[in-house]
Amino acid sequence: MLSSKQTRSLYSNLETATLWWITTFHCCQVNTPPDWDAQLPSDVALCLPGSPEPTIALCDQTEVQQAGYSRPNEHPLLFCSRLTKAHEYLRKKGAAPGPIQDGGGPQFFEILDPEGNVIEICE
């Protein structure tokens, strides 16, 4: 099972990004929670499988700029108890995960979304 703290990622093509997250991670699109800061009409809230609350926010890059918000494009960090299995699953889904690495702490690997943003999957 994957879990995450809330992260926001900016996309030039929000529709493609949403479809990619839903297809790749089996996320469920839900209503944006009212307590999320600086919401915009096009924001997309996603729940990872097994998560009771949305933790992934996808934002339209142009809308963020036009609103004058300074939202950083956050590096999603997902946690998984079965890293090797997640790596193999994502490889079969065509997500092209990088090698499993050990940086002296928990093992991890990275994948890129369709716009080249890094998503890190950690043990």
N, C-alpha and C. Protein backbone atom coordinates (compact mmCIF):
# COMPACT_ATOMS: atom_id res chain seq x y z
N MET A 1 0.84 -1.18 0.00
CA MET A 1 0.00 0.00 0.00
C MET A 1 0.88 1.24 0.00
N LEU A 2 0.53 2.22 -0.79
CA LEU A 2 1.24 3.49 -0.85
C LEU A 2 0.59 4.50 0.08
N SER A 3 1.39 5.35 0.66
CA SER A 3 0.87 6.46 1.45
C SER A 3 1.70 7.69 1.14
N SER A 4 1.18 8.85 1.53
CA SER A 4 1.86 10.10 1.21
C SER A 4 1.40 11.19 2.16
N LYS A 5 2.24 12.19 2.37
CA LYS A 5 1.80 13.42 2.99
C LYS A 5 1.25 14.27 1.85
N GLN A 6 0.46 15.28 2.16
CA GLN A 6 -0.13 16.11 1.10
C GLN A 6 0.97 16.80 0.29
N THR A 7 0.90 16.65 -1.03
CA THR A 7 1.82 17.34 -1.93
C THR A 7 1.03 17.97 -3.06
N ARG A 8 1.58 19.04 -3.60
CA ARG A 8 0.98 19.71 -4.76
C ARG A 8 1.96 19.65 -5.91
N SER A 9 1.44 19.26 -7.05
CA SER A 9 2.26 19.22 -8.26
C SER A 9 1.59 20.07 -9.32
N LEU A 10 2.40 20.86 -10.03
CA LEU A 10 1.90 21.74 -11.08
C LEU A 10 2.03 21.06 -12.44
N TYR A 11 1.00 21.22 -13.26
CA TYR A 11 0.99 20.59 -14.58
C TYR A 11 0.50 21.55 -15.64
N SER A 12 1.11 21.46 -16.81
CA SER A 12 0.63 22.25 -17.94
C SER A 12 -0.59 21.59 -18.58
N ASN A 13 -0.72 20.27 -18.44
CA ASN A 13 -1.89 19.55 -18.95
C ASN A 13 -2.48 18.74 -17.80
N LEU A 14 -3.41 19.37 -17.10
CA LEU A 14 -4.00 18.78 -15.90
C LEU A 14 -4.79 17.51 -16.20
N GLU A 15 -5.46 17.49 -17.33
CA GLU A 15 -6.27 16.31 -17.69
C GLU A 15 -5.38 15.08 -17.91
N THR A 16 -4.28 15.25 -18.63
CA THR A 16 -3.35 14.15 -18.85
C THR A 16 -2.72 13.69 -17.55
N ALA A 17 -2.34 14.65 -16.70
CA ALA A 17 -1.73 14.32 -15.42
C ALA A 17 -2.69 13.53 -14.53
N THR A 18 -3.94 13.98 -14.48
CA THR A 18 -4.94 13.29 -13.66
C THR A 18 -5.13 11.86 -14.13
N LEU A 19 -5.29 11.68 -15.43
CA LEU A 19 -5.45 10.33 -15.98
C LEU A 19 -4.23 9.47 -15.67
N TRP A 20 -3.03 10.04 -15.78
CA TRP A 20 -1.80 9.28 -15.50
C TRP A 20 -1.77 8.83 -14.04
N TRP A 21 -2.06 9.71 -13.10
CA TRP A 21 -2.06 9.35 -11.68
C TRP A 21 -3.10 8.27 -11.39
N ILE A 22 -4.29 8.42 -11.96
CA ILE A 22 -5.35 7.43 -11.73
C ILE A 22 -4.97 6.09 -12.32
N THR A 23 -4.44 6.08 -13.52
CA THR A 23 -4.05 4.83 -14.19
C THR A 23 -2.84 4.18 -13.53
N THR A 24 -1.83 4.97 -13.22
CA THR A 24 -0.58 4.43 -12.69
C THR A 24 -0.70 3.98 -11.24
N PHE A 25 -1.34 4.79 -10.41
CA PHE A 25 -1.40 4.49 -8.98
C PHE A 25 -2.78 4.06 -8.48
N HIS A 26 -3.75 3.94 -9.38
CA HIS A 26 -5.13 3.59 -9.02
C HIS A 26 -5.70 4.56 -8.00
N CYS A 27 -5.36 5.84 -8.17
CA CYS A 27 -5.91 6.88 -7.30
C CYS A 27 -7.39 7.06 -7.57
N CYS A 28 -8.06 7.64 -6.62
CA CYS A 28 -9.47 7.97 -6.75
C CYS A 28 -9.60 9.49 -6.68
N GLN A 29 -10.26 10.11 -7.65
CA GLN A 29 -10.47 11.54 -7.63
C GLN A 29 -11.62 11.86 -6.70
N VAL A 30 -11.41 12.83 -5.80
CA VAL A 30 -12.42 13.22 -4.82
C VAL A 30 -12.56 14.74 -4.81
N ASN A 31 -13.54 15.24 -4.08
CA ASN A 31 -13.70 16.69 -3.93
C ASN A 31 -12.50 17.25 -3.17
N THR A 32 -12.09 18.44 -3.55
CA THR A 32 -10.99 19.10 -2.86
C THR A 32 -11.46 19.47 -1.46
N PRO A 33 -10.73 19.05 -0.43
CA PRO A 33 -11.15 19.37 0.94
C PRO A 33 -11.18 20.88 1.19
N PRO A 34 -12.16 21.37 1.92
CA PRO A 34 -12.29 22.81 2.16
C PRO A 34 -11.13 23.40 2.96
N ASP A 35 -10.39 22.57 3.68
CA ASP A 35 -9.30 23.09 4.49
C ASP A 35 -7.97 23.19 3.74
N TRP A 36 -7.94 22.83 2.45
CA TRP A 36 -6.72 22.99 1.67
C TRP A 36 -6.53 24.47 1.36
N ASP A 37 -5.32 24.95 1.53
CA ASP A 37 -5.01 26.37 1.33
C ASP A 37 -5.05 26.76 -0.14
N ALA A 38 -5.45 28.00 -0.38
CA ALA A 38 -5.36 28.65 -1.69
C ALA A 38 -5.88 27.77 -2.83
N GLN A 39 -7.10 27.29 -2.68
CA GLN A 39 -7.68 26.44 -3.71
C GLN A 39 -8.02 27.24 -4.96
N LEU A 40 -7.92 26.55 -6.07
CA LEU A 40 -8.34 27.11 -7.36
C LEU A 40 -9.38 26.18 -7.97
N PRO A 41 -10.25 26.69 -8.84
CA PRO A 41 -11.33 25.88 -9.39
C PRO A 41 -10.86 24.59 -10.08
N SER A 42 -9.72 24.61 -10.71
CA SER A 42 -9.29 23.41 -11.45
C SER A 42 -8.50 22.41 -10.62
N ASP A 43 -8.21 22.72 -9.35
CA ASP A 43 -7.42 21.79 -8.53
C ASP A 43 -8.08 20.41 -8.50
N VAL A 44 -7.24 19.39 -8.56
CA VAL A 44 -7.71 18.01 -8.53
C VAL A 44 -7.14 17.35 -7.28
N ALA A 45 -8.01 16.77 -6.46
CA ALA A 45 -7.60 16.06 -5.25
C ALA A 45 -7.69 14.56 -5.51
N LEU A 46 -6.63 13.85 -5.15
CA LEU A 46 -6.58 12.40 -5.36
C LEU A 46 -6.27 11.67 -4.06
N CYS A 47 -6.92 10.53 -3.89
CA CYS A 47 -6.63 9.62 -2.78
C CYS A 47 -5.86 8.44 -3.33
N LEU A 48 -4.81 8.06 -2.64
CA LEU A 48 -4.12 6.81 -2.98
C LEU A 48 -4.96 5.65 -2.48
N PRO A 49 -4.85 4.47 -3.08
CA PRO A 49 -5.63 3.32 -2.63
C PRO A 49 -5.42 3.07 -1.14
N GLY A 50 -6.52 2.88 -0.42
CA GLY A 50 -6.46 2.58 1.00
C GLY A 50 -6.33 3.81 1.89
N SER A 51 -6.20 4.99 1.29
CA SER A 51 -6.06 6.22 2.07
C SER A 51 -7.44 6.82 2.31
N PRO A 52 -7.75 7.19 3.54
CA PRO A 52 -9.07 7.75 3.82
C PRO A 52 -9.22 9.21 3.37
N GLU A 53 -8.09 9.89 3.16
CA GLU A 53 -8.13 11.31 2.79
C GLU A 53 -7.26 11.56 1.57
N PRO A 54 -7.61 12.59 0.77
CA PRO A 54 -6.76 12.93 -0.37
C PRO A 54 -5.43 13.50 0.10
N THR A 55 -4.37 13.11 -0.58
CA THR A 55 -3.03 13.60 -0.23
C THR A 55 -2.29 14.14 -1.44
N ILE A 56 -2.82 13.93 -2.63
CA ILE A 56 -2.18 14.41 -3.85
C ILE A 56 -3.06 15.51 -4.44
N ALA A 57 -2.47 16.69 -4.64
CA ALA A 57 -3.17 17.81 -5.26
C ALA A 57 -2.48 18.10 -6.59
N LEU A 58 -3.24 18.06 -7.66
CA LEU A 58 -2.74 18.40 -8.98
C LEU A 58 -3.29 19.78 -9.34
N CYS A 59 -2.40 20.66 -9.78
CA CYS A 59 -2.78 22.06 -10.02
C CYS A 59 -2.42 22.46 -11.44
N ASP A 60 -3.29 23.27 -12.04
CA ASP A 60 -3.04 23.79 -13.38
C ASP A 60 -2.02 24.93 -13.28
N GLN A 61 -0.88 24.73 -13.90
CA GLN A 61 0.22 25.68 -13.82
C GLN A 61 -0.17 27.09 -14.27
N THR A 62 -0.91 27.19 -15.36
CA THR A 62 -1.33 28.50 -15.87
C THR A 62 -2.28 29.19 -14.90
N GLU A 63 -3.23 28.44 -14.37
CA GLU A 63 -4.19 29.02 -13.43
C GLU A 63 -3.49 29.51 -12.15
N VAL A 64 -2.50 28.77 -11.68
CA VAL A 64 -1.74 29.17 -10.50
C VAL A 64 -1.01 30.49 -10.78
N GLN A 65 -0.39 30.58 -11.95
CA GLN A 65 0.33 31.81 -12.32
C GLN A 65 -0.62 32.99 -12.46
N GLN A 66 -1.76 32.78 -13.12
CA GLN A 66 -2.73 33.86 -13.32
C GLN A 66 -3.32 34.34 -11.99
N ALA A 67 -3.44 33.44 -11.02
CA ALA A 67 -3.97 33.81 -9.71
C ALA A 67 -2.92 34.54 -8.87
N GLY A 68 -1.68 34.51 -9.33
CA GLY A 68 -0.61 35.18 -8.59
C GLY A 68 -0.12 34.39 -7.39
N TYR A 69 -0.45 33.11 -7.35
CA TYR A 69 0.01 32.27 -6.24
C TYR A 69 1.45 31.86 -6.48
N SER A 70 2.17 31.71 -5.42
CA SER A 70 3.54 31.19 -5.53
C SER A 70 3.55 29.78 -4.95
N ARG A 71 3.01 28.87 -5.71
CA ARG A 71 2.98 27.47 -5.29
C ARG A 71 4.21 26.77 -5.84
N PRO A 72 5.03 26.24 -4.96
CA PRO A 72 6.17 25.47 -5.49
C PRO A 72 5.67 24.15 -6.06
N ASN A 73 6.37 23.65 -7.06
CA ASN A 73 6.06 22.34 -7.60
C ASN A 73 6.73 21.33 -6.68
N GLU A 74 5.93 20.70 -5.83
CA GLU A 74 6.49 19.81 -4.82
C GLU A 74 6.84 18.44 -5.39
N HIS A 75 7.85 17.88 -4.84
CA HIS A 75 8.37 16.57 -5.21
C HIS A 75 7.58 15.52 -4.42
N PRO A 76 6.58 14.84 -5.04
CA PRO A 76 5.82 13.85 -4.29
C PRO A 76 6.72 12.74 -3.75
N LEU A 77 6.48 12.42 -2.51
CA LEU A 77 7.21 11.37 -1.82
C LEU A 77 6.17 10.37 -1.33
N LEU A 78 6.18 9.18 -1.93
CA LEU A 78 5.22 8.14 -1.57
C LEU A 78 5.95 7.06 -0.78
N PHE A 79 5.27 6.48 0.19
CA PHE A 79 5.87 5.46 1.02
C PHE A 79 5.20 4.12 0.75
N CYS A 80 6.02 3.07 0.77
CA CYS A 80 5.54 1.73 0.42
C CYS A 80 6.28 0.70 1.25
N SER A 81 5.55 -0.24 1.81
CA SER A 81 6.20 -1.27 2.64
C SER A 81 6.80 -2.40 1.80
N ARG A 82 6.39 -2.51 0.55
CA ARG A 82 6.90 -3.58 -0.33
C ARG A 82 7.50 -2.94 -1.57
N LEU A 83 8.69 -2.39 -1.40
CA LEU A 83 9.31 -1.58 -2.43
C LEU A 83 9.60 -2.35 -3.71
N THR A 84 10.14 -3.56 -3.59
CA THR A 84 10.46 -4.36 -4.77
C THR A 84 9.20 -4.67 -5.57
N LYS A 85 8.14 -5.01 -4.87
CA LYS A 85 6.87 -5.31 -5.55
C LYS A 85 6.33 -4.05 -6.24
N ALA A 86 6.42 -2.90 -5.58
CA ALA A 86 5.96 -1.64 -6.19
C ALA A 86 6.79 -1.31 -7.43
N HIS A 87 8.09 -1.54 -7.35
CA HIS A 87 8.99 -1.28 -8.48
C HIS A 87 8.58 -2.13 -9.68
N GLU A 88 8.36 -3.40 -9.45
CA GLU A 88 7.97 -4.32 -10.52
C GLU A 88 6.60 -3.94 -11.10
N TYR A 89 5.66 -3.60 -10.23
CA TYR A 89 4.33 -3.20 -10.66
C TYR A 89 4.40 -1.98 -11.58
N LEU A 90 5.16 -0.96 -11.16
CA LEU A 90 5.27 0.26 -11.96
C LEU A 90 6.01 0.02 -13.27
N ARG A 91 6.97 -0.89 -13.25
CA ARG A 91 7.68 -1.25 -14.48
C ARG A 91 6.69 -1.86 -15.47
N LYS A 92 5.84 -2.77 -14.99
CA LYS A 92 4.85 -3.41 -15.86
C LYS A 92 3.81 -2.41 -16.36
N LYS A 93 3.54 -1.34 -15.59
CA LYS A 93 2.58 -0.31 -16.01
C LYS A 93 3.21 0.66 -17.01
N GLY A 94 4.52 0.52 -17.27
CA GLY A 94 5.19 1.39 -18.22
C GLY A 94 5.70 2.69 -17.63
N ALA A 95 5.78 2.78 -16.30
CA ALA A 95 6.22 4.01 -15.64
C ALA A 95 7.73 4.15 -15.62
N ALA A 96 8.48 3.15 -16.07
CA ALA A 96 9.94 3.19 -16.16
C ALA A 96 10.62 3.63 -14.87
N PRO A 97 10.43 2.87 -13.79
CA PRO A 97 11.09 3.26 -12.54
C PRO A 97 12.61 3.14 -12.64
N GLY A 98 13.29 4.05 -11.95
CA GLY A 98 14.74 3.98 -11.88
C GLY A 98 15.14 2.84 -10.95
N PRO A 99 16.43 2.60 -10.80
CA PRO A 99 16.88 1.50 -9.95
C PRO A 99 16.57 1.77 -8.47
N ILE A 100 16.37 0.69 -7.73
CA ILE A 100 16.20 0.82 -6.28
C ILE A 100 17.55 1.23 -5.71
N GLN A 101 17.53 2.29 -4.90
CA GLN A 101 18.76 2.85 -4.35
C GLN A 101 18.73 2.77 -2.83
N ASP A 102 19.92 2.74 -2.27
CA ASP A 102 20.08 2.75 -0.82
C ASP A 102 21.00 3.89 -0.48
N GLY A 103 20.45 4.97 0.03
CA GLY A 103 21.25 6.15 0.36
C GLY A 103 21.72 6.16 1.80
N GLY A 104 21.86 4.98 2.41
CA GLY A 104 22.26 4.90 3.79
C GLY A 104 21.08 4.89 4.75
N GLY A 105 19.90 5.08 4.24
CA GLY A 105 18.67 5.05 5.04
C GLY A 105 17.70 4.11 4.35
N PRO A 106 16.45 4.48 4.34
CA PRO A 106 15.47 3.65 3.64
C PRO A 106 15.78 3.56 2.14
N GLN A 107 15.47 2.43 1.55
CA GLN A 107 15.65 2.28 0.11
C GLN A 107 14.56 3.07 -0.61
N PHE A 108 14.85 3.45 -1.87
CA PHE A 108 13.88 4.23 -2.64
C PHE A 108 14.18 4.06 -4.12
N PHE A 109 13.22 4.47 -4.95
CA PHE A 109 13.45 4.62 -6.39
C PHE A 109 12.60 5.79 -6.86
N GLU A 110 12.90 6.24 -8.06
CA GLU A 110 12.18 7.38 -8.63
C GLU A 110 11.54 7.01 -9.95
N ILE A 111 10.42 7.66 -10.23
CA ILE A 111 9.79 7.57 -11.55
C ILE A 111 9.52 9.01 -11.99
N LEU A 112 9.27 9.17 -13.27
CA LEU A 112 8.91 10.47 -13.82
C LEU A 112 7.47 10.44 -14.32
N ASP A 113 6.74 11.50 -14.03
CA ASP A 113 5.39 11.60 -14.57
C ASP A 113 5.47 12.07 -16.03
N PRO A 114 4.36 12.20 -16.73
CA PRO A 114 4.41 12.58 -18.15
C PRO A 114 5.07 13.92 -18.44
N GLU A 115 5.15 14.81 -17.46
CA GLU A 115 5.78 16.11 -17.67
C GLU A 115 7.20 16.17 -17.13
N GLY A 116 7.73 15.02 -16.72
CA GLY A 116 9.11 14.94 -16.27
C GLY A 116 9.33 15.28 -14.80
N ASN A 117 8.25 15.42 -14.04
CA ASN A 117 8.38 15.65 -12.60
C ASN A 117 8.77 14.35 -11.89
N VAL A 118 9.67 14.46 -10.94
CA VAL A 118 10.14 13.29 -10.19
C VAL A 118 9.15 12.94 -9.10
N ILE A 119 8.86 11.65 -8.98
CA ILE A 119 8.08 11.10 -7.88
C ILE A 119 8.96 10.06 -7.22
N GLU A 120 9.17 10.20 -5.92
CA GLU A 120 10.05 9.29 -5.20
C GLU A 120 9.20 8.30 -4.40
N ILE A 121 9.53 7.02 -4.55
CA ILE A 121 8.85 5.95 -3.84
C ILE A 121 9.84 5.41 -2.81
N CYS A 122 9.51 5.50 -1.53
CA CYS A 122 10.41 5.12 -0.44
C CYS A 122 9.85 3.95 0.36
N GLU A 123 10.76 3.24 0.97
CA GLU A 123 10.40 2.12 1.84
C GLU A 123 9.77 2.65 3.11
